[in-house]
Each structure stands twice: as C-alpha cells, then as structure tokens.
Amino acid sequence: NRIFSLKVLPLLKVKCFGCHGQDPNDVRDDYTLLTREGMLKGGES
C-alpha cells in the first residue's frame, strides 16, 4: 500500500486519470482505473 501510494498513484494521476478515472461518467474506452475490478476488466482493446 505504501509503494502504491508513493510511486504508482501519482503516476496514474498524472498520466491516466484524465481519461480513465477523473470523472466516472466520462471514462474513455470503457476502461476505468477507479476500481480494482475496472483495472482487471480492461477496456475495449
């Protein structure tokens, strides 16, 4: 959890959440990073 909070989460916020997590009603390619289930499911690809 510490590694995720310090290293992974900041990267997701900068590079990914704009299209895949910032707004749950506006997620591109049906790929959400807001939940573990969404990450495991993947998107349209």
ModelCIF file with pLDDT and N, C-alpha, C, O atoms, coordinates in Angstrom:
data_MODEL
#
_entry.id   MODEL 
#
_entity.id                         1 
_entity.type                       polymer 
_entity.pdbx_number_of_molecules   1 
#
_entity_poly.entity_id                      1 
_entity_poly.type                           'polypeptide(L)' 
_entity_poly.nstd_linkage                   no 
_entity_poly.nstd_monomer                   no 
_entity_poly.pdbx_seq_one_letter_code       NRIFSLKVLPLLKVKCFGCHGQDPNDVRDDYTLLTREGMLKGGES 
_entity_poly.pdbx_seq_one_letter_code_can   NRIFSLKVLPLLKVKCFGCHGQDPNDVRDDYTLLTREGMLKGGES 
_entity_poly.pdbx_strand_id                 A 
#
loop_
_entity_poly_seq.entity_id 
_entity_poly_seq.num 
_entity_poly_seq.mon_id 
_entity_poly_seq.hetero 
1 1  ASN n 
1 2  ARG n 
1 3  ILE n 
1 4  PHE n 
1 5  SER n 
1 6  LEU n 
1 7  LYS n 
1 8  VAL n 
1 9  LEU n 
1 10 PRO n 
1 11 LEU n 
1 12 LEU n 
1 13 LYS n 
1 14 VAL n 
1 15 LYS n 
1 16 CYS n 
1 17 PHE n 
1 18 GLY n 
1 19 CYS n 
1 20 HIS n 
1 21 GLY n 
1 22 GLN n 
1 23 ASP n 
1 24 PRO n 
1 25 ASN n 
1 26 ASP n 
1 27 VAL n 
1 28 ARG n 
1 29 ASP n 
1 30 ASP n 
1 31 TYR n 
1 32 THR n 
1 33 LEU n 
1 34 LEU n 
1 35 THR n 
1 36 ARG n 
1 37 GLU n 
1 38 GLY n 
1 39 MET n 
1 40 LEU n 
1 41 LYS n 
1 42 GLY n 
1 43 GLY n 
1 44 GLU n 
1 45 SER n 
#
_struct_asym.id          A 
_struct_asym.entity_id   1 
#
loop_
_ma_qa_metric.id 
_ma_qa_metric.mode 
_ma_qa_metric.name 
_ma_qa_metric.software_group_id 
_ma_qa_metric.type 
1 global pLDDT . pLDDT 
2 local  pLDDT . pLDDT 
#
_ma_qa_metric_global.metric_id      1 
_ma_qa_metric_global.metric_value   87.36 
_ma_qa_metric_global.model_id       1 
_ma_qa_metric_global.ordinal_id     1 
#
loop_
_ma_qa_metric_local.label_asym_id 
_ma_qa_metric_local.label_comp_id 
_ma_qa_metric_local.label_seq_id 
_ma_qa_metric_local.metric_id 
_ma_qa_metric_local.metric_value 
_ma_qa_metric_local.model_id 
_ma_qa_metric_local.ordinal_id 
A ASN 1  2 91.00 1 1  
A ARG 2  2 95.00 1 2  
A ILE 3  2 92.00 1 3  
A PHE 4  2 89.00 1 4  
A SER 5  2 94.00 1 5  
A LEU 6  2 96.00 1 6  
A LYS 7  2 94.00 1 7  
A VAL 8  2 89.00 1 8  
A LEU 9  2 90.00 1 9  
A PRO 10 2 94.00 1 10 
A LEU 11 2 93.00 1 11 
A LEU 12 2 89.00 1 12 
A LYS 13 2 90.00 1 13 
A VAL 14 2 93.00 1 14 
A LYS 15 2 93.00 1 15 
A CYS 16 2 90.00 1 16 
A PHE 17 2 90.00 1 17 
A GLY 18 2 91.00 1 18 
A CYS 19 2 90.00 1 19 
A HIS 20 2 90.00 1 20 
A GLY 21 2 86.00 1 21 
A GLN 22 2 80.00 1 22 
A ASP 23 2 83.00 1 23 
A PRO 24 2 77.00 1 24 
A ASN 25 2 82.00 1 25 
A ASP 26 2 82.00 1 26 
A VAL 27 2 84.00 1 27 
A ARG 28 2 86.00 1 28 
A ASP 29 2 85.00 1 29 
A ASP 30 2 83.00 1 30 
A TYR 31 2 87.00 1 31 
A THR 32 2 87.00 1 32 
A LEU 33 2 86.00 1 33 
A LEU 34 2 85.00 1 34 
A THR 35 2 85.00 1 35 
A ARG 36 2 84.00 1 36 
A GLU 37 2 87.00 1 37 
A GLY 38 2 86.00 1 38 
A MET 39 2 85.00 1 39 
A LEU 40 2 85.00 1 40 
A LYS 41 2 86.00 1 41 
A GLY 42 2 83.00 1 42 
A GLY 43 2 83.00 1 43 
A GLU 44 2 83.00 1 44 
A SER 45 2 78.00 1 45 
#
loop_
_atom_site.group_PDB 
_atom_site.id 
_atom_site.type_symbol 
_atom_site.label_atom_id 
_atom_site.label_alt_id 
_atom_site.label_comp_id 
_atom_site.label_asym_id 
_atom_site.label_entity_id 
_atom_site.label_seq_id 
_atom_site.pdbx_PDB_ins_code 
_atom_site.Cartn_x 
_atom_site.Cartn_y 
_atom_site.Cartn_z 
_atom_site.occupancy 
_atom_site.B_iso_or_equiv 
_atom_site.pdbx_formal_charge 
_atom_site.auth_seq_id 
_atom_site.auth_comp_id 
_atom_site.auth_asym_id 
_atom_site.auth_atom_id 
_atom_site.pdbx_PDB_model_num 
ATOM 1   N N  . ASN A 1 1  ? 0.831   -1.210 0.000   1.00 91.00 ? 1  ASN A N  1 
ATOM 2   C CA . ASN A 1 1  ? 0.000   0.000  0.000   1.00 91.00 ? 1  ASN A CA 1 
ATOM 3   C C  . ASN A 1 1  ? 0.863   1.256  0.000   1.00 91.00 ? 1  ASN A C  1 
ATOM 4   O O  . ASN A 1 1  ? 0.527   2.242  -0.656  1.00 91.00 ? 1  ASN A O  1 
ATOM 5   N N  . ARG A 1 2  ? 1.963   1.224  0.726   1.00 95.00 ? 2  ARG A N  1 
ATOM 6   C CA . ARG A 1 2  ? 2.869   2.379  0.776   1.00 95.00 ? 2  ARG A CA 1 
ATOM 7   C C  . ARG A 1 2  ? 3.520   2.603  -0.592  1.00 95.00 ? 2  ARG A C  1 
ATOM 8   O O  . ARG A 1 2  ? 3.586   3.735  -1.072  1.00 95.00 ? 2  ARG A O  1 
ATOM 9   N N  . ILE A 1 3  ? 3.990   1.540  -1.205  1.00 92.00 ? 3  ILE A N  1 
ATOM 10  C CA . ILE A 1 3  ? 4.600   1.647  -2.534  1.00 92.00 ? 3  ILE A CA 1 
ATOM 11  C C  . ILE A 1 3  ? 3.583   2.183  -3.538  1.00 92.00 ? 3  ILE A C  1 
ATOM 12  O O  . ILE A 1 3  ? 3.897   3.057  -4.346  1.00 92.00 ? 3  ILE A O  1 
ATOM 13  N N  . PHE A 1 4  ? 2.363   1.652  -3.480  1.00 89.00 ? 4  PHE A N  1 
ATOM 14  C CA . PHE A 1 4  ? 1.315   2.126  -4.386  1.00 89.00 ? 4  PHE A CA 1 
ATOM 15  C C  . PHE A 1 4  ? 1.062   3.615  -4.181  1.00 89.00 ? 4  PHE A C  1 
ATOM 16  O O  . PHE A 1 4  ? 0.991   4.378  -5.145  1.00 89.00 ? 4  PHE A O  1 
ATOM 17  N N  . SER A 1 5  ? 0.928   4.021  -2.931  1.00 94.00 ? 5  SER A N  1 
ATOM 18  C CA . SER A 1 5  ? 0.624   5.431  -2.623  1.00 94.00 ? 5  SER A CA 1 
ATOM 19  C C  . SER A 1 5  ? 1.739   6.377  -3.046  1.00 94.00 ? 5  SER A C  1 
ATOM 20  O O  . SER A 1 5  ? 1.473   7.488  -3.505  1.00 94.00 ? 5  SER A O  1 
ATOM 21  N N  . LEU A 1 6  ? 2.978   5.945  -2.894  1.00 96.00 ? 6  LEU A N  1 
ATOM 22  C CA . LEU A 1 6  ? 4.114   6.817  -3.180  1.00 96.00 ? 6  LEU A CA 1 
ATOM 23  C C  . LEU A 1 6  ? 4.569   6.794  -4.639  1.00 96.00 ? 6  LEU A C  1 
ATOM 24  O O  . LEU A 1 6  ? 5.042   7.808  -5.151  1.00 96.00 ? 6  LEU A O  1 
ATOM 25  N N  . LYS A 1 7  ? 4.433   5.667  -5.305  1.00 94.00 ? 7  LYS A N  1 
ATOM 26  C CA . LYS A 1 7  ? 5.010   5.525  -6.646  1.00 94.00 ? 7  LYS A CA 1 
ATOM 27  C C  . LYS A 1 7  ? 3.970   5.358  -7.758  1.00 94.00 ? 7  LYS A C  1 
ATOM 28  O O  . LYS A 1 7  ? 4.093   5.968  -8.820  1.00 94.00 ? 7  LYS A O  1 
ATOM 29  N N  . VAL A 1 8  ? 2.964   4.546  -7.519  1.00 89.00 ? 8  VAL A N  1 
ATOM 30  C CA . VAL A 1 8  ? 2.008   4.219  -8.584  1.00 89.00 ? 8  VAL A CA 1 
ATOM 31  C C  . VAL A 1 8  ? 0.897   5.254  -8.689  1.00 89.00 ? 8  VAL A C  1 
ATOM 32  O O  . VAL A 1 8  ? 0.626   5.750  -9.783  1.00 89.00 ? 8  VAL A O  1 
ATOM 33  N N  . LEU A 1 9  ? 0.262   5.585  -7.599  1.00 90.00 ? 9  LEU A N  1 
ATOM 34  C CA . LEU A 1 9  ? -0.860  6.518  -7.619  1.00 90.00 ? 9  LEU A CA 1 
ATOM 35  C C  . LEU A 1 9  ? -0.503  7.875  -8.224  1.00 90.00 ? 9  LEU A C  1 
ATOM 36  O O  . LEU A 1 9  ? -1.277  8.395  -9.027  1.00 90.00 ? 9  LEU A O  1 
ATOM 37  N N  . PRO A 1 10 ? 0.642   8.469  -7.871  1.00 94.00 ? 10 PRO A N  1 
ATOM 38  C CA . PRO A 1 10 ? 0.984   9.748  -8.511  1.00 94.00 ? 10 PRO A CA 1 
ATOM 39  C C  . PRO A 1 10 ? 1.135   9.625  -10.028 1.00 94.00 ? 10 PRO A C  1 
ATOM 40  O O  . PRO A 1 10 ? 0.757   10.540 -10.759 1.00 94.00 ? 10 PRO A O  1 
ATOM 41  N N  . LEU A 1 11 ? 1.672   8.531  -10.498 1.00 93.00 ? 11 LEU A N  1 
ATOM 42  C CA . LEU A 1 11 ? 1.814   8.299  -11.931 1.00 93.00 ? 11 LEU A CA 1 
ATOM 43  C C  . LEU A 1 11 ? 0.448   8.166  -12.605 1.00 93.00 ? 11 LEU A C  1 
ATOM 44  O O  . LEU A 1 11 ? 0.217   8.739  -13.669 1.00 93.00 ? 11 LEU A O  1 
ATOM 45  N N  . LEU A 1 12 ? -0.451  7.411  -11.983 1.00 89.00 ? 12 LEU A N  1 
ATOM 46  C CA . LEU A 1 12 ? -1.806  7.270  -12.523 1.00 89.00 ? 12 LEU A CA 1 
ATOM 47  C C  . LEU A 1 12 ? -2.513  8.624  -12.591 1.00 89.00 ? 12 LEU A C  1 
ATOM 48  O O  . LEU A 1 12 ? -3.200  8.921  -13.568 1.00 89.00 ? 12 LEU A O  1 
ATOM 49  N N  . LYS A 1 13 ? -2.346  9.435  -11.561 1.00 90.00 ? 13 LYS A N  1 
ATOM 50  C CA . LYS A 1 13 ? -2.992  10.746 -11.536 1.00 90.00 ? 13 LYS A CA 1 
ATOM 51  C C  . LYS A 1 13 ? -2.508  11.631 -12.676 1.00 90.00 ? 13 LYS A C  1 
ATOM 52  O O  . LYS A 1 13 ? -3.307  12.327 -13.302 1.00 90.00 ? 13 LYS A O  1 
ATOM 53  N N  . VAL A 1 14 ? -1.219  11.611 -12.949 1.00 93.00 ? 14 VAL A N  1 
ATOM 54  C CA . VAL A 1 14 ? -0.640  12.467 -13.982 1.00 93.00 ? 14 VAL A CA 1 
ATOM 55  C C  . VAL A 1 14 ? -0.911  11.933 -15.390 1.00 93.00 ? 14 VAL A C  1 
ATOM 56  O O  . VAL A 1 14 ? -1.237  12.707 -16.290 1.00 93.00 ? 14 VAL A O  1 
ATOM 57  N N  . LYS A 1 15 ? -0.782  10.635 -15.586 1.00 93.00 ? 15 LYS A N  1 
ATOM 58  C CA . LYS A 1 15 ? -0.801  10.058 -16.933 1.00 93.00 ? 15 LYS A CA 1 
ATOM 59  C C  . LYS A 1 15 ? -2.125  9.408  -17.339 1.00 93.00 ? 15 LYS A C  1 
ATOM 60  O O  . LYS A 1 15 ? -2.401  9.295  -18.533 1.00 93.00 ? 15 LYS A O  1 
ATOM 61  N N  . CYS A 1 16 ? -2.946  8.979  -16.388 1.00 90.00 ? 16 CYS A N  1 
ATOM 62  C CA . CYS A 1 16 ? -4.064  8.100  -16.740 1.00 90.00 ? 16 CYS A CA 1 
ATOM 63  C C  . CYS A 1 16 ? -5.453  8.586  -16.330 1.00 90.00 ? 16 CYS A C  1 
ATOM 64  O O  . CYS A 1 16 ? -6.414  8.418  -17.081 1.00 90.00 ? 16 CYS A O  1 
ATOM 65  N N  . PHE A 1 17 ? -5.564  9.183  -15.148 1.00 90.00 ? 17 PHE A N  1 
ATOM 66  C CA . PHE A 1 17 ? -6.883  9.517  -14.626 1.00 90.00 ? 17 PHE A CA 1 
ATOM 67  C C  . PHE A 1 17 ? -7.647  10.534 -15.458 1.00 90.00 ? 17 PHE A C  1 
ATOM 68  O O  . PHE A 1 17 ? -8.875  10.576 -15.386 1.00 90.00 ? 17 PHE A O  1 
ATOM 69  N N  . GLY A 1 18 ? -6.970  11.342 -16.233 1.00 91.00 ? 18 GLY A N  1 
ATOM 70  C CA . GLY A 1 18 ? -7.656  12.324 -17.071 1.00 91.00 ? 18 GLY A CA 1 
ATOM 71  C C  . GLY A 1 18 ? -8.661  11.677 -18.008 1.00 91.00 ? 18 GLY A C  1 
ATOM 72  O O  . GLY A 1 18 ? -9.726  12.239 -18.262 1.00 91.00 ? 18 GLY A O  1 
ATOM 73  N N  . CYS A 1 19 ? -8.330  10.501 -18.522 1.00 90.00 ? 19 CYS A N  1 
ATOM 74  C CA . CYS A 1 19 ? -9.221  9.797  -19.455 1.00 90.00 ? 19 CYS A CA 1 
ATOM 75  C C  . CYS A 1 19 ? -9.882  8.570  -18.836 1.00 90.00 ? 19 CYS A C  1 
ATOM 76  O O  . CYS A 1 19 ? -10.927 8.124  -19.310 1.00 90.00 ? 19 CYS A O  1 
ATOM 77  N N  . HIS A 1 20 ? -9.287  8.024  -17.791 1.00 90.00 ? 20 HIS A N  1 
ATOM 78  C CA . HIS A 1 20 ? -9.750  6.749  -17.261 1.00 90.00 ? 20 HIS A CA 1 
ATOM 79  C C  . HIS A 1 20 ? -9.994  6.769  -15.758 1.00 90.00 ? 20 HIS A C  1 
ATOM 80  O O  . HIS A 1 20 ? -9.760  5.769  -15.080 1.00 90.00 ? 20 HIS A O  1 
ATOM 81  N N  . GLY A 1 21 ? -10.464 7.904  -15.231 1.00 86.00 ? 21 GLY A N  1 
ATOM 82  C CA . GLY A 1 21 ? -10.734 7.867  -13.814 1.00 86.00 ? 21 GLY A CA 1 
ATOM 83  C C  . GLY A 1 21 ? -11.154 9.153  -13.150 1.00 86.00 ? 21 GLY A C  1 
ATOM 84  O O  . GLY A 1 21 ? -11.778 9.116  -12.090 1.00 86.00 ? 21 GLY A O  1 
ATOM 85  N N  . GLN A 1 22 ? -10.839 10.273 -13.725 1.00 80.00 ? 22 GLN A N  1 
ATOM 86  C CA . GLN A 1 22 ? -11.162 11.528 -13.056 1.00 80.00 ? 22 GLN A CA 1 
ATOM 87  C C  . GLN A 1 22 ? -12.669 11.722 -12.910 1.00 80.00 ? 22 GLN A C  1 
ATOM 88  O O  . GLN A 1 22 ? -13.145 12.137 -11.854 1.00 80.00 ? 22 GLN A O  1 
ATOM 89  N N  . ASP A 1 23 ? -13.407 11.427 -13.956 1.00 83.00 ? 23 ASP A N  1 
ATOM 90  C CA . ASP A 1 23 ? -14.864 11.574 -13.948 1.00 83.00 ? 23 ASP A CA 1 
ATOM 91  C C  . ASP A 1 23 ? -15.487 10.221 -14.283 1.00 83.00 ? 23 ASP A C  1 
ATOM 92  O O  . ASP A 1 23 ? -15.389 9.773  -15.425 1.00 83.00 ? 23 ASP A O  1 
ATOM 93  N N  . PRO A 1 24 ? -16.125 9.557  -13.315 1.00 77.00 ? 24 PRO A N  1 
ATOM 94  C CA . PRO A 1 24 ? -16.696 8.228  -13.555 1.00 77.00 ? 24 PRO A CA 1 
ATOM 95  C C  . PRO A 1 24 ? -17.749 8.199  -14.668 1.00 77.00 ? 24 PRO A C  1 
ATOM 96  O O  . PRO A 1 24 ? -18.026 7.138  -15.228 1.00 77.00 ? 24 PRO A O  1 
ATOM 97  N N  . ASN A 1 25 ? -18.334 9.351  -14.992 1.00 82.00 ? 25 ASN A N  1 
ATOM 98  C CA . ASN A 1 25 ? -19.347 9.400  -16.053 1.00 82.00 ? 25 ASN A CA 1 
ATOM 99  C C  . ASN A 1 25 ? -18.745 9.695  -17.426 1.00 82.00 ? 25 ASN A C  1 
ATOM 100 O O  . ASN A 1 25 ? -19.463 9.723  -18.425 1.00 82.00 ? 25 ASN A O  1 
ATOM 101 N N  . ASP A 1 26 ? -17.432 9.914  -17.477 1.00 82.00 ? 26 ASP A N  1 
ATOM 102 C CA . ASP A 1 26 ? -16.770 10.242 -18.739 1.00 82.00 ? 26 ASP A CA 1 
ATOM 103 C C  . ASP A 1 26 ? -15.459 9.461  -18.842 1.00 82.00 ? 26 ASP A C  1 
ATOM 104 O O  . ASP A 1 26 ? -14.375 10.045 -18.846 1.00 82.00 ? 26 ASP A O  1 
ATOM 105 N N  . VAL A 1 27 ? -15.573 8.132  -18.927 1.00 84.00 ? 27 VAL A N  1 
ATOM 106 C CA . VAL A 1 27 ? -14.410 7.256  -18.991 1.00 84.00 ? 27 VAL A CA 1 
ATOM 107 C C  . VAL A 1 27 ? -14.235 6.785  -20.427 1.00 84.00 ? 27 VAL A C  1 
ATOM 108 O O  . VAL A 1 27 ? -15.172 6.256  -21.026 1.00 84.00 ? 27 VAL A O  1 
ATOM 109 N N  . ARG A 1 28 ? -13.048 6.973  -20.981 1.00 86.00 ? 28 ARG A N  1 
ATOM 110 C CA . ARG A 1 28 ? -12.775 6.569  -22.364 1.00 86.00 ? 28 ARG A CA 1 
ATOM 111 C C  . ARG A 1 28 ? -12.591 5.061  -22.483 1.00 86.00 ? 28 ARG A C  1 
ATOM 112 O O  . ARG A 1 28 ? -12.018 4.419  -21.603 1.00 86.00 ? 28 ARG A O  1 
ATOM 113 N N  . ASP A 1 29 ? -13.083 4.517  -23.573 1.00 85.00 ? 29 ASP A N  1 
ATOM 114 C CA . ASP A 1 29 ? -12.889 3.109  -23.936 1.00 85.00 ? 29 ASP A CA 1 
ATOM 115 C C  . ASP A 1 29 ? -13.396 2.120  -22.888 1.00 85.00 ? 29 ASP A C  1 
ATOM 116 O O  . ASP A 1 29 ? -12.915 0.989  -22.821 1.00 85.00 ? 29 ASP A O  1 
ATOM 117 N N  . ASP A 1 30 ? -14.349 2.532  -22.084 1.00 83.00 ? 30 ASP A N  1 
ATOM 118 C CA . ASP A 1 30 ? -14.893 1.672  -21.025 1.00 83.00 ? 30 ASP A CA 1 
ATOM 119 C C  . ASP A 1 30 ? -13.811 1.112  -20.111 1.00 83.00 ? 30 ASP A C  1 
ATOM 120 O O  . ASP A 1 30 ? -13.967 0.021  -19.562 1.00 83.00 ? 30 ASP A O  1 
ATOM 121 N N  . TYR A 1 31 ? -12.715 1.850  -19.942 1.00 87.00 ? 31 TYR A N  1 
ATOM 122 C CA . TYR A 1 31 ? -11.615 1.407  -19.084 1.00 87.00 ? 31 TYR A CA 1 
ATOM 123 C C  . TYR A 1 31 ? -11.467 2.377  -17.928 1.00 87.00 ? 31 TYR A C  1 
ATOM 124 O O  . TYR A 1 31 ? -10.996 3.501  -18.101 1.00 87.00 ? 31 TYR A O  1 
ATOM 125 N N  . THR A 1 32 ? -11.875 1.934  -16.743 1.00 87.00 ? 32 THR A N  1 
ATOM 126 C CA . THR A 1 32 ? -11.807 2.786  -15.558 1.00 87.00 ? 32 THR A CA 1 
ATOM 127 C C  . THR A 1 32 ? -10.695 2.314  -14.624 1.00 87.00 ? 32 THR A C  1 
ATOM 128 O O  . THR A 1 32 ? -10.498 1.116  -14.419 1.00 87.00 ? 32 THR A O  1 
ATOM 129 N N  . LEU A 1 33 ? -9.987  3.265  -14.075 1.00 86.00 ? 33 LEU A N  1 
ATOM 130 C CA . LEU A 1 33 ? -8.942  2.974  -13.109 1.00 86.00 ? 33 LEU A CA 1 
ATOM 131 C C  . LEU A 1 33 ? -9.391  3.312  -11.693 1.00 86.00 ? 33 LEU A C  1 
ATOM 132 O O  . LEU A 1 33 ? -8.579  3.364  -10.770 1.00 86.00 ? 33 LEU A O  1 
ATOM 133 N N  . LEU A 1 34 ? -10.683 3.540  -11.531 1.00 85.00 ? 34 LEU A N  1 
ATOM 134 C CA . LEU A 1 34 ? -11.217 3.912  -10.223 1.00 85.00 ? 34 LEU A CA 1 
ATOM 135 C C  . LEU A 1 34 ? -11.383 2.725  -9.285  1.00 85.00 ? 34 LEU A C  1 
ATOM 136 O O  . LEU A 1 34 ? -11.426 2.898  -8.067  1.00 85.00 ? 34 LEU A O  1 
ATOM 137 N N  . THR A 1 35 ? -11.477 1.516  -9.843  1.00 85.00 ? 35 THR A N  1 
ATOM 138 C CA . THR A 1 35 ? -11.641 0.325  -9.016  1.00 85.00 ? 35 THR A CA 1 
ATOM 139 C C  . THR A 1 35 ? -10.705 -0.780 -9.497  1.00 85.00 ? 35 THR A C  1 
ATOM 140 O O  . THR A 1 35 ? -10.276 -0.793 -10.651 1.00 85.00 ? 35 THR A O  1 
ATOM 141 N N  . ARG A 1 36 ? -10.405 -1.687 -8.608  1.00 84.00 ? 36 ARG A N  1 
ATOM 142 C CA . ARG A 1 36 ? -9.577  -2.845 -8.968  1.00 84.00 ? 36 ARG A CA 1 
ATOM 143 C C  . ARG A 1 36 ? -10.281 -3.670 -10.048 1.00 84.00 ? 36 ARG A C  1 
ATOM 144 O O  . ARG A 1 36 ? -9.649  -4.144 -10.992 1.00 84.00 ? 36 ARG A O  1 
ATOM 145 N N  . GLU A 1 37 ? -11.577 -3.829 -9.896  1.00 87.00 ? 37 GLU A N  1 
ATOM 146 C CA . GLU A 1 37 ? -12.350 -4.600 -10.869 1.00 87.00 ? 37 GLU A CA 1 
ATOM 147 C C  . GLU A 1 37 ? -12.255 -3.973 -12.256 1.00 87.00 ? 37 GLU A C  1 
ATOM 148 O O  . GLU A 1 37 ? -12.110 -4.676 -13.256 1.00 87.00 ? 37 GLU A O  1 
ATOM 149 N N  . GLY A 1 38 ? -12.337 -2.646 -12.308 1.00 86.00 ? 38 GLY A N  1 
ATOM 150 C CA . GLY A 1 38 ? -12.220 -1.949 -13.586 1.00 86.00 ? 38 GLY A CA 1 
ATOM 151 C C  . GLY A 1 38 ? -10.857 -2.140 -14.215 1.00 86.00 ? 38 GLY A C  1 
ATOM 152 O O  . GLY A 1 38 ? -10.748 -2.307 -15.430 1.00 86.00 ? 38 GLY A O  1 
ATOM 153 N N  . MET A 1 39 ? -9.815  -2.117 -13.398 1.00 85.00 ? 39 MET A N  1 
ATOM 154 C CA . MET A 1 39 ? -8.460  -2.331 -13.907 1.00 85.00 ? 39 MET A CA 1 
ATOM 155 C C  . MET A 1 39 ? -8.282  -3.743 -14.443 1.00 85.00 ? 39 MET A C  1 
ATOM 156 O O  . MET A 1 39 ? -7.638  -3.948 -15.472 1.00 85.00 ? 39 MET A O  1 
ATOM 157 N N  . LEU A 1 40 ? -8.856  -4.719 -13.741 1.00 85.00 ? 40 LEU A N  1 
ATOM 158 C CA . LEU A 1 40 ? -8.724  -6.110 -14.165 1.00 85.00 ? 40 LEU A CA 1 
ATOM 159 C C  . LEU A 1 40 ? -9.550  -6.414 -15.412 1.00 85.00 ? 40 LEU A C  1 
ATOM 160 O O  . LEU A 1 40 ? -9.159  -7.237 -16.240 1.00 85.00 ? 40 LEU A O  1 
ATOM 161 N N  . LYS A 1 41 ? -10.688 -5.748 -15.537 1.00 86.00 ? 41 LYS A N  1 
ATOM 162 C CA . LYS A 1 41 ? -11.567 -5.985 -16.681 1.00 86.00 ? 41 LYS A CA 1 
ATOM 163 C C  . LYS A 1 41 ? -10.935 -5.500 -17.979 1.00 86.00 ? 41 LYS A C  1 
ATOM 164 O O  . LYS A 1 41 ? -11.054 -6.149 -19.018 1.00 86.00 ? 41 LYS A O  1 
ATOM 165 N N  . GLY A 1 42 ? -10.270 -4.369 -17.912 1.00 83.00 ? 42 GLY A N  1 
ATOM 166 C CA . GLY A 1 42 ? -9.709  -3.787 -19.127 1.00 83.00 ? 42 GLY A CA 1 
ATOM 167 C C  . GLY A 1 42 ? -10.758 -2.985 -19.862 1.00 83.00 ? 42 GLY A C  1 
ATOM 168 O O  . GLY A 1 42 ? -11.853 -2.755 -19.350 1.00 83.00 ? 42 GLY A O  1 
ATOM 169 N N  . GLY A 1 43 ? -10.418 -2.561 -21.062 1.00 83.00 ? 43 GLY A N  1 
ATOM 170 C CA . GLY A 1 43 ? -11.323 -1.727 -21.840 1.00 83.00 ? 43 GLY A CA 1 
ATOM 171 C C  . GLY A 1 43 ? -11.696 -2.364 -23.158 1.00 83.00 ? 43 GLY A C  1 
ATOM 172 O O  . GLY A 1 43 ? -11.840 -3.583 -23.254 1.00 83.00 ? 43 GLY A O  1 
ATOM 173 N N  . GLU A 1 44 ? -11.851 -1.532 -24.174 1.00 83.00 ? 44 GLU A N  1 
ATOM 174 C CA . GLU A 1 44 ? -12.278 -2.013 -25.480 1.00 83.00 ? 44 GLU A CA 1 
ATOM 175 C C  . GLU A 1 44 ? -11.196 -2.802 -26.201 1.00 83.00 ? 44 GLU A C  1 
ATOM 176 O O  . GLU A 1 44 ? -11.509 -3.656 -27.031 1.00 83.00 ? 44 GLU A O  1 
ATOM 177 N N  . SER A 1 45 ? -9.939  -2.534 -25.903 1.00 78.00 ? 45 SER A N  1 
ATOM 178 C CA . SER A 1 45 ? -8.858  -3.291 -26.548 1.00 78.00 ? 45 SER A CA 1 
ATOM 179 C C  . SER A 1 45 ? -8.794  -4.693 -25.945 1.00 78.00 ? 45 SER A C  1 
ATOM 180 O O  . SER A 1 45 ? -7.953  -5.499 -26.343 1.00 78.00 ? 45 SER A O  1 
#
